[in-house]
C-alpha cells in the first residue's frame, strides 16, 4: 500500500506512455519543420519584393534623368522654332510705303459726302417711313 494515495493517479491524470510522447514529439517536429519552411518562403518573398522595389526605384531615377535631359532639349527646340517662325514671318511680311495722296496741281481732293444725322440716328429714317434700317452700332460680325 502506498503512503500517499493522491499521487497514484486516477486515470485521467495518468502520465502518458513513452510511445504517446514520441508520437506527439514527432507530430510537433513535423509542424515545426512546416513552419520553418513557411517562414523561409515568406522571407524569400520579402527579399524578392525588396529587390523589385530597388529595381523600380532605379528605373524611376533613370526615367527622371531622361526626362530632365529631354526637357532641356524640348526647350532648346521650342526656342529654335520660335526663332524660325519669326524669321519666316519677317521674310514673308508685306511692307508697303505709307500712302501719299497723288493730286495733280489742277485737281481738287474729294470731300466726304454729307449724310446728315440719318446714319447716326435710325429713328430719323423711321420718321420718314423707312423701317428696314440697321443702325451703325449693330453692323458687322459683332451684330450677329
N, C-alpha and C. Protein backbone atom coordinates (compact mmCIF):
# COMPACT_ATOMS: atom_id res chain seq x y z
N UNK A 1 0.83 -1.15 0.00
CA UNK A 1 0.00 0.00 0.00
C UNK A 1 0.89 1.23 0.00
N UNK A 2 0.40 2.23 -0.71
CA UNK A 2 1.20 3.45 -0.80
C UNK A 2 0.88 4.36 0.36
N UNK A 3 1.82 5.13 0.65
CA UNK A 3 1.61 6.06 1.74
C UNK A 3 0.76 7.27 1.30
N UNK A 4 0.95 7.69 0.07
CA UNK A 4 0.20 8.85 -0.40
C UNK A 4 -0.63 8.40 -1.60
N UNK A 5 -1.88 8.13 -1.38
CA UNK A 5 -2.71 7.64 -2.48
C UNK A 5 -3.05 8.73 -3.50
N UNK A 6 -2.89 9.99 -3.20
CA UNK A 6 -3.23 11.08 -4.14
C UNK A 6 -2.32 11.04 -5.35
N UNK A 7 -1.06 10.72 -5.19
CA UNK A 7 -0.12 10.76 -6.29
C UNK A 7 -0.19 9.53 -7.18
N UNK A 8 -1.07 8.66 -6.91
CA UNK A 8 -1.19 7.43 -7.67
C UNK A 8 -1.81 7.67 -9.04
N UNK A 9 -2.73 8.59 -9.21
CA UNK A 9 -3.40 8.87 -10.45
C UNK A 9 -4.65 8.05 -10.61
N UNK A 10 -5.68 8.69 -11.10
CA UNK A 10 -6.95 8.01 -11.22
C UNK A 10 -7.22 7.55 -12.64
N UNK A 11 -6.40 7.92 -13.61
CA UNK A 11 -6.63 7.51 -14.99
C UNK A 11 -6.69 8.72 -15.93
N UNK A 12 -7.40 9.76 -15.54
CA UNK A 12 -7.48 10.93 -16.41
C UNK A 12 -6.23 11.78 -16.29
N UNK A 13 -5.50 11.64 -15.18
CA UNK A 13 -4.28 12.41 -14.99
C UNK A 13 -3.05 11.52 -15.01
N UNK A 14 -3.23 10.42 -15.57
CA UNK A 14 -2.12 9.49 -15.60
C UNK A 14 -1.08 9.97 -16.60
N UNK A 15 0.18 9.74 -16.35
CA UNK A 15 1.27 10.14 -17.25
C UNK A 15 1.14 9.36 -18.55
N UNK A 16 1.50 10.05 -19.67
CA UNK A 16 1.42 9.41 -20.97
C UNK A 16 2.52 8.38 -21.10
N UNK A 17 2.27 7.42 -21.95
CA UNK A 17 3.28 6.39 -22.17
C UNK A 17 4.38 6.96 -23.06
N UNK A 18 5.50 6.24 -23.12
CA UNK A 18 6.63 6.70 -23.93
C UNK A 18 6.27 6.75 -25.41
N UNK A 19 5.50 5.84 -25.90
CA UNK A 19 5.12 5.83 -27.32
C UNK A 19 4.22 7.03 -27.66
N UNK A 20 3.31 7.37 -26.72
CA UNK A 20 2.46 8.55 -26.94
C UNK A 20 3.30 9.82 -26.98
N UNK A 21 4.25 9.92 -26.09
CA UNK A 21 5.13 11.11 -26.05
C UNK A 21 5.96 11.19 -27.32
N UNK A 22 6.48 10.04 -27.77
CA UNK A 22 7.29 10.04 -29.00
C UNK A 22 6.43 10.42 -30.21
N UNK A 23 5.20 9.95 -30.29
CA UNK A 23 4.30 10.29 -31.41
C UNK A 23 3.98 11.78 -31.38
N UNK A 24 3.73 12.30 -30.19
CA UNK A 24 3.43 13.73 -30.09
C UNK A 24 4.66 14.56 -30.44
N UNK A 25 5.82 14.13 -30.02
CA UNK A 25 7.06 14.84 -30.37
C UNK A 25 7.29 14.81 -31.89
N UNK A 26 7.04 13.68 -32.53
CA UNK A 26 7.20 13.59 -33.99
C UNK A 26 6.22 14.52 -34.69
N UNK A 27 4.98 14.56 -34.20
CA UNK A 27 3.97 15.46 -34.79
C UNK A 27 4.39 16.92 -34.62
N UNK A 28 4.89 17.27 -33.42
CA UNK A 28 5.32 18.65 -33.18
C UNK A 28 6.55 19.01 -34.02
N UNK A 29 7.46 18.06 -34.19
CA UNK A 29 8.62 18.32 -35.03
C UNK A 29 8.21 18.53 -36.49
N UNK A 30 7.22 17.74 -36.96
CA UNK A 30 6.72 17.95 -38.33
C UNK A 30 6.11 19.34 -38.48
N UNK A 31 5.34 19.74 -37.48
CA UNK A 31 4.75 21.09 -37.53
C UNK A 31 5.84 22.16 -37.51
N UNK A 32 6.86 21.94 -36.70
CA UNK A 32 7.95 22.91 -36.63
C UNK A 32 8.68 23.01 -37.96
N UNK A 33 8.93 21.87 -38.62
CA UNK A 33 9.58 21.88 -39.93
C UNK A 33 8.71 22.61 -40.97
N UNK A 34 7.40 22.35 -40.93
CA UNK A 34 6.49 23.03 -41.87
C UNK A 34 6.49 24.54 -41.62
N UNK A 35 6.48 24.93 -40.35
CA UNK A 35 6.50 26.37 -40.02
C UNK A 35 7.81 26.99 -40.46
N UNK A 36 8.93 26.27 -40.26
CA UNK A 36 10.23 26.79 -40.70
C UNK A 36 10.26 26.97 -42.22
N UNK A 37 9.73 25.99 -42.95
CA UNK A 37 9.65 26.11 -44.42
C UNK A 37 8.78 27.29 -44.83
N UNK A 38 7.65 27.44 -44.17
CA UNK A 38 6.74 28.53 -44.50
C UNK A 38 7.41 29.88 -44.26
N UNK A 39 8.08 30.05 -43.11
CA UNK A 39 8.74 31.32 -42.83
C UNK A 39 9.93 31.56 -43.74
N UNK A 40 10.61 30.48 -44.15
CA UNK A 40 11.70 30.63 -45.11
C UNK A 40 11.15 31.16 -46.44
N UNK A 41 10.00 30.63 -46.86
CA UNK A 41 9.36 31.13 -48.09
C UNK A 41 8.94 32.59 -47.94
N UNK A 42 8.39 32.92 -46.76
CA UNK A 42 7.99 34.31 -46.53
C UNK A 42 9.19 35.26 -46.59
N UNK A 43 10.29 34.86 -46.00
CA UNK A 43 11.48 35.70 -46.01
C UNK A 43 12.02 35.82 -47.43
N UNK A 44 12.00 34.73 -48.20
CA UNK A 44 12.45 34.79 -49.60
C UNK A 44 11.54 35.71 -50.41
N UNK A 45 10.24 35.62 -50.19
CA UNK A 45 9.31 36.52 -50.89
C UNK A 45 9.56 37.97 -50.51
N UNK A 46 9.81 38.20 -49.22
CA UNK A 46 10.11 39.57 -48.77
C UNK A 46 11.36 40.09 -49.45
N UNK A 47 12.40 39.26 -49.55
CA UNK A 47 13.63 39.67 -50.22
C UNK A 47 13.38 39.96 -51.70
N UNK A 48 12.53 39.15 -52.34
CA UNK A 48 12.18 39.40 -53.74
C UNK A 48 11.45 40.73 -53.89
N UNK A 49 10.57 41.03 -52.96
CA UNK A 49 9.84 42.30 -53.02
C UNK A 49 10.79 43.47 -52.84
N UNK A 50 11.73 43.36 -51.90
CA UNK A 50 12.72 44.43 -51.70
C UNK A 50 13.57 44.62 -52.95
N UNK A 51 13.98 43.52 -53.56
CA UNK A 51 14.78 43.61 -54.78
C UNK A 51 13.98 44.28 -55.90
N UNK A 52 12.72 43.90 -56.03
CA UNK A 52 11.86 44.52 -57.06
C UNK A 52 11.68 46.01 -56.79
N UNK A 53 11.51 46.37 -55.52
CA UNK A 53 11.36 47.78 -55.16
C UNK A 53 12.63 48.57 -55.50
N UNK A 54 13.79 48.00 -55.19
CA UNK A 54 15.04 48.68 -55.52
C UNK A 54 15.21 48.83 -57.02
N UNK A 55 14.84 47.79 -57.79
CA UNK A 55 14.92 47.87 -59.25
C UNK A 55 13.96 48.94 -59.77
N UNK A 56 12.76 49.01 -59.20
CA UNK A 56 11.79 50.02 -59.61
C UNK A 56 12.30 51.43 -59.28
N UNK A 57 12.90 51.59 -58.12
CA UNK A 57 13.44 52.90 -57.74
C UNK A 57 14.57 53.30 -58.68
N UNK A 58 15.40 52.35 -59.07
CA UNK A 58 16.48 52.65 -60.02
C UNK A 58 15.91 53.04 -61.38
N UNK A 59 14.88 52.32 -61.83
CA UNK A 59 14.24 52.68 -63.11
C UNK A 59 13.61 54.06 -63.04
N UNK A 60 12.98 54.38 -61.91
CA UNK A 60 12.38 55.70 -61.75
C UNK A 60 13.44 56.79 -61.79
N UNK A 61 14.57 56.55 -61.15
CA UNK A 61 15.66 57.54 -61.19
C UNK A 61 16.20 57.70 -62.60
N UNK A 62 16.35 56.59 -63.33
CA UNK A 62 16.80 56.67 -64.72
C UNK A 62 15.80 57.43 -65.58
N UNK A 63 14.52 57.16 -65.37
CA UNK A 63 13.48 57.86 -66.14
C UNK A 63 13.49 59.35 -65.82
N UNK A 64 13.70 59.70 -64.56
CA UNK A 64 13.75 61.11 -64.18
C UNK A 64 14.93 61.80 -64.87
N UNK A 65 16.07 61.12 -64.94
CA UNK A 65 17.23 61.68 -65.63
C UNK A 65 16.92 61.90 -67.11
N UNK A 66 16.27 60.93 -67.72
CA UNK A 66 15.91 61.06 -69.14
C UNK A 66 14.94 62.22 -69.34
N UNK A 67 13.98 62.36 -68.44
CA UNK A 67 13.00 63.45 -68.55
C UNK A 67 13.69 64.80 -68.44
N UNK A 68 14.63 64.93 -67.51
CA UNK A 68 15.33 66.20 -67.35
C UNK A 68 16.13 66.53 -68.61
N UNK A 69 16.82 65.53 -69.16
CA UNK A 69 17.60 65.76 -70.39
C UNK A 69 16.68 66.13 -71.55
N UNK A 70 15.58 65.40 -71.69
CA UNK A 70 14.66 65.69 -72.80
C UNK A 70 13.96 67.03 -72.61
N UNK A 71 13.71 67.42 -71.37
CA UNK A 71 13.10 68.72 -71.12
C UNK A 71 14.01 69.84 -71.62
N UNK A 72 15.29 69.72 -71.37
CA UNK A 72 16.24 70.72 -71.88
C UNK A 72 16.24 70.75 -73.39
N UNK A 73 16.22 69.58 -74.02
CA UNK A 73 16.19 69.53 -75.49
C UNK A 73 14.90 70.13 -76.03
N UNK A 74 13.78 69.85 -75.36
CA UNK A 74 12.49 70.40 -75.81
C UNK A 74 12.52 71.93 -75.72
N UNK A 75 13.07 72.46 -74.63
CA UNK A 75 13.15 73.93 -74.51
C UNK A 75 14.02 74.54 -75.60
N UNK A 76 15.15 73.88 -75.90
CA UNK A 76 16.00 74.37 -76.98
C UNK A 76 15.27 74.34 -78.32
N UNK A 77 14.56 73.25 -78.59
CA UNK A 77 13.82 73.14 -79.86
C UNK A 77 12.69 74.15 -79.94
N UNK A 78 11.99 74.40 -78.81
CA UNK A 78 10.94 75.41 -78.81
C UNK A 78 11.51 76.79 -79.11
N UNK A 79 12.66 77.12 -78.54
CA UNK A 79 13.30 78.41 -78.82
C UNK A 79 13.70 78.50 -80.29
N UNK A 80 14.20 77.39 -80.84
CA UNK A 80 14.59 77.39 -82.25
C UNK A 80 13.37 77.55 -83.15
N UNK A 81 12.27 76.88 -82.82
CA UNK A 81 11.04 77.00 -83.62
C UNK A 81 10.51 78.44 -83.56
N UNK A 82 10.55 79.04 -82.38
CA UNK A 82 10.09 80.42 -82.25
C UNK A 82 10.94 81.35 -83.11
N UNK A 83 12.26 81.15 -83.08
CA UNK A 83 13.15 81.99 -83.90
C UNK A 83 12.89 81.78 -85.39
N UNK A 84 12.67 80.50 -85.79
CA UNK A 84 12.39 80.23 -87.21
C UNK A 84 11.05 80.82 -87.64
N UNK A 85 10.05 80.74 -86.78
CA UNK A 85 8.76 81.34 -87.13
C UNK A 85 8.89 82.85 -87.29
N UNK A 86 9.64 83.49 -86.41
CA UNK A 86 9.84 84.93 -86.52
C UNK A 86 10.59 85.27 -87.80
N UNK A 87 11.59 84.47 -88.14
CA UNK A 87 12.36 84.71 -89.36
C UNK A 87 11.47 84.55 -90.60
N UNK A 88 10.65 83.49 -90.61
CA UNK A 88 9.74 83.28 -91.75
C UNK A 88 8.73 84.43 -91.84
N UNK A 89 8.21 84.85 -90.71
CA UNK A 89 7.24 85.95 -90.71
C UNK A 89 7.88 87.24 -91.23
N UNK A 90 9.13 87.49 -90.86
CA UNK A 90 9.80 88.70 -91.32
C UNK A 90 10.13 88.62 -92.81
N UNK A 91 10.48 87.43 -93.31
CA UNK A 91 10.79 87.29 -94.73
C UNK A 91 9.54 87.37 -95.60
N UNK A 92 8.42 86.90 -95.09
CA UNK A 92 7.20 86.88 -95.88
C UNK A 92 6.32 88.09 -95.61
N UNK A 93 6.81 89.03 -94.83
CA UNK A 93 5.99 90.19 -94.48
C UNK A 93 5.81 91.10 -95.70
N UNK A 94 4.65 91.66 -95.80
CA UNK A 94 4.35 92.60 -96.87
C UNK A 94 4.58 93.99 -96.32
N UNK A 95 5.53 94.67 -96.91
CA UNK A 95 5.82 96.03 -96.45
C UNK A 95 5.38 96.99 -97.53
N UNK A 96 4.65 97.97 -97.16
CA UNK A 96 4.13 98.97 -98.09
C UNK A 96 4.53 100.34 -97.54
N UNK A 97 4.95 101.16 -98.45
CA UNK A 97 5.28 102.53 -98.05
C UNK A 97 4.03 103.24 -97.58
N UNK A 98 4.16 104.20 -96.71
CA UNK A 98 2.98 104.96 -96.29
C UNK A 98 2.31 105.61 -97.50
N UNK A 99 1.01 105.59 -97.51
CA UNK A 99 0.26 106.12 -98.65
C UNK A 99 0.42 107.64 -98.73
N UNK A 100 0.68 108.07 -99.94
CA UNK A 100 0.78 109.50 -100.21
C UNK A 100 -0.25 109.81 -101.28
N UNK A 101 -1.06 110.78 -101.01
CA UNK A 101 -2.11 111.11 -101.98
C UNK A 101 -1.51 111.88 -103.14
N UNK A 102 -1.72 111.31 -104.30
CA UNK A 102 -1.16 111.93 -105.51
C UNK A 102 -2.22 112.83 -106.13
N UNK A 103 -2.05 114.10 -105.97
CA UNK A 103 -3.01 115.06 -106.52
C UNK A 103 -2.26 115.95 -107.51
N UNK A 104 -2.83 115.99 -108.68
CA UNK A 104 -2.25 116.87 -109.69
C UNK A 104 -2.54 118.32 -109.29
N UNK A 105 -1.72 119.27 -109.77
CA UNK A 105 -1.94 120.67 -109.36
C UNK A 105 -3.32 121.21 -109.69
N UNK A 106 -3.94 120.76 -110.74
CA UNK A 106 -5.23 121.29 -111.11
C UNK A 106 -6.40 120.56 -110.47
N UNK A 107 -6.15 119.39 -109.89
CA UNK A 107 -7.23 118.61 -109.30
C UNK A 107 -7.52 119.06 -107.87
N UNK A 108 -8.73 118.76 -107.47
CA UNK A 108 -9.11 119.03 -106.09
C UNK A 108 -9.40 117.71 -105.39
N UNK A 109 -9.07 117.64 -104.13
CA UNK A 109 -9.34 116.43 -103.37
C UNK A 109 -10.83 116.31 -103.13
N UNK A 110 -11.31 115.05 -103.14
CA UNK A 110 -12.73 114.86 -102.89
C UNK A 110 -13.01 115.03 -101.40
N UNK A 111 -14.25 115.34 -101.11
CA UNK A 111 -14.66 115.56 -99.73
C UNK A 111 -15.65 114.46 -99.35
N UNK A 112 -15.77 114.15 -98.06
CA UNK A 112 -16.77 113.18 -97.67
C UNK A 112 -18.17 113.67 -98.02
N UNK A 113 -19.03 112.70 -98.33
CA UNK A 113 -20.39 113.05 -98.70
C UNK A 113 -21.16 113.33 -97.42
N UNK A 114 -21.77 114.46 -97.28
CA UNK A 114 -22.53 114.74 -96.06
C UNK A 114 -23.83 113.94 -96.06
N UNK A 115 -24.05 113.17 -95.02
CA UNK A 115 -25.23 112.34 -94.90
C UNK A 115 -26.20 112.89 -93.87
N UNK A 116 -25.79 113.83 -93.15
CA UNK A 116 -26.67 114.36 -92.12
C UNK A 116 -26.71 113.42 -90.93
N UNK A 117 -27.74 113.51 -90.15
CA UNK A 117 -27.86 112.70 -88.95
C UNK A 117 -28.58 111.40 -89.18
N UNK A 118 -28.88 111.05 -90.45
CA UNK A 118 -29.65 109.83 -90.70
C UNK A 118 -28.87 108.56 -90.33
N UNK A 119 -27.58 108.53 -90.58
CA UNK A 119 -26.80 107.31 -90.28
C UNK A 119 -26.56 107.15 -88.78
N UNK A 120 -26.45 108.24 -88.13
CA UNK A 120 -26.19 108.15 -86.70
C UNK A 120 -27.48 107.89 -85.92
N UNK A 121 -28.62 108.35 -86.46
CA UNK A 121 -29.88 108.21 -85.74
C UNK A 121 -30.90 107.49 -86.63
N UNK A 122 -31.08 106.16 -86.45
CA UNK A 122 -32.00 105.42 -87.31
C UNK A 122 -33.45 105.86 -87.11
N UNK A 123 -33.78 106.47 -86.00
CA UNK A 123 -35.17 106.89 -85.80
C UNK A 123 -35.57 107.98 -86.78
N UNK A 124 -34.59 108.73 -87.30
CA UNK A 124 -34.91 109.75 -88.32
C UNK A 124 -35.42 109.08 -89.59
N UNK A 125 -34.86 107.91 -89.94
CA UNK A 125 -35.35 107.18 -91.09
C UNK A 125 -36.76 106.66 -90.83
N UNK A 126 -37.01 106.20 -89.65
CA UNK A 126 -38.33 105.66 -89.34
C UNK A 126 -39.39 106.77 -89.38
N UNK A 127 -39.00 107.95 -88.97
CA UNK A 127 -39.97 109.07 -89.04
C UNK A 127 -40.35 109.38 -90.48
N UNK A 128 -39.45 109.05 -91.40
CA UNK A 128 -39.76 109.29 -92.81
C UNK A 128 -40.45 108.09 -93.45
N UNK A 129 -40.70 106.99 -92.64
CA UNK A 129 -41.42 105.84 -93.17
C UNK A 129 -40.54 104.70 -93.62
N UNK A 130 -39.22 104.81 -93.46
CA UNK A 130 -38.32 103.74 -93.85
C UNK A 130 -38.00 102.94 -92.58
N UNK A 131 -38.36 101.63 -92.60
CA UNK A 131 -38.25 100.86 -91.36
C UNK A 131 -37.14 99.81 -91.37
N UNK A 132 -36.54 99.50 -92.51
CA UNK A 132 -35.52 98.44 -92.56
C UNK A 132 -34.11 99.02 -92.50
N UNK A 133 -33.87 99.87 -91.57
CA UNK A 133 -32.55 100.49 -91.40
C UNK A 133 -31.85 99.82 -90.22
N UNK A 134 -30.60 99.43 -90.45
CA UNK A 134 -29.80 98.83 -89.37
C UNK A 134 -28.88 99.92 -88.85
N UNK A 135 -28.92 100.21 -87.58
CA UNK A 135 -28.02 101.24 -87.05
C UNK A 135 -26.56 100.83 -87.20
N UNK A 136 -25.67 101.81 -87.23
CA UNK A 136 -24.25 101.53 -87.39
C UNK A 136 -23.71 100.68 -86.24
N UNK A 137 -24.26 100.80 -85.06
CA UNK A 137 -23.76 100.07 -83.92
C UNK A 137 -24.04 98.56 -84.06
N UNK A 138 -25.04 98.17 -84.86
CA UNK A 138 -25.41 96.78 -85.00
C UNK A 138 -24.85 96.13 -86.24
N UNK A 139 -24.04 96.84 -87.01
CA UNK A 139 -23.47 96.26 -88.23
C UNK A 139 -22.17 95.52 -87.90
N UNK A 140 -21.83 94.57 -88.74
CA UNK A 140 -20.57 93.87 -88.59
C UNK A 140 -20.75 92.53 -87.90
N UNK A 141 -19.66 91.82 -87.70
CA UNK A 141 -19.76 90.47 -87.14
C UNK A 141 -20.24 90.46 -85.69
N UNK A 142 -20.01 91.53 -84.94
CA UNK A 142 -20.48 91.52 -83.58
C UNK A 142 -21.99 91.69 -83.49
N UNK A 143 -22.66 92.11 -84.59
CA UNK A 143 -24.10 92.25 -84.59
C UNK A 143 -24.79 90.89 -84.65
N UNK A 144 -24.11 89.91 -85.18
CA UNK A 144 -24.70 88.58 -85.31
C UNK A 144 -24.65 87.87 -84.02
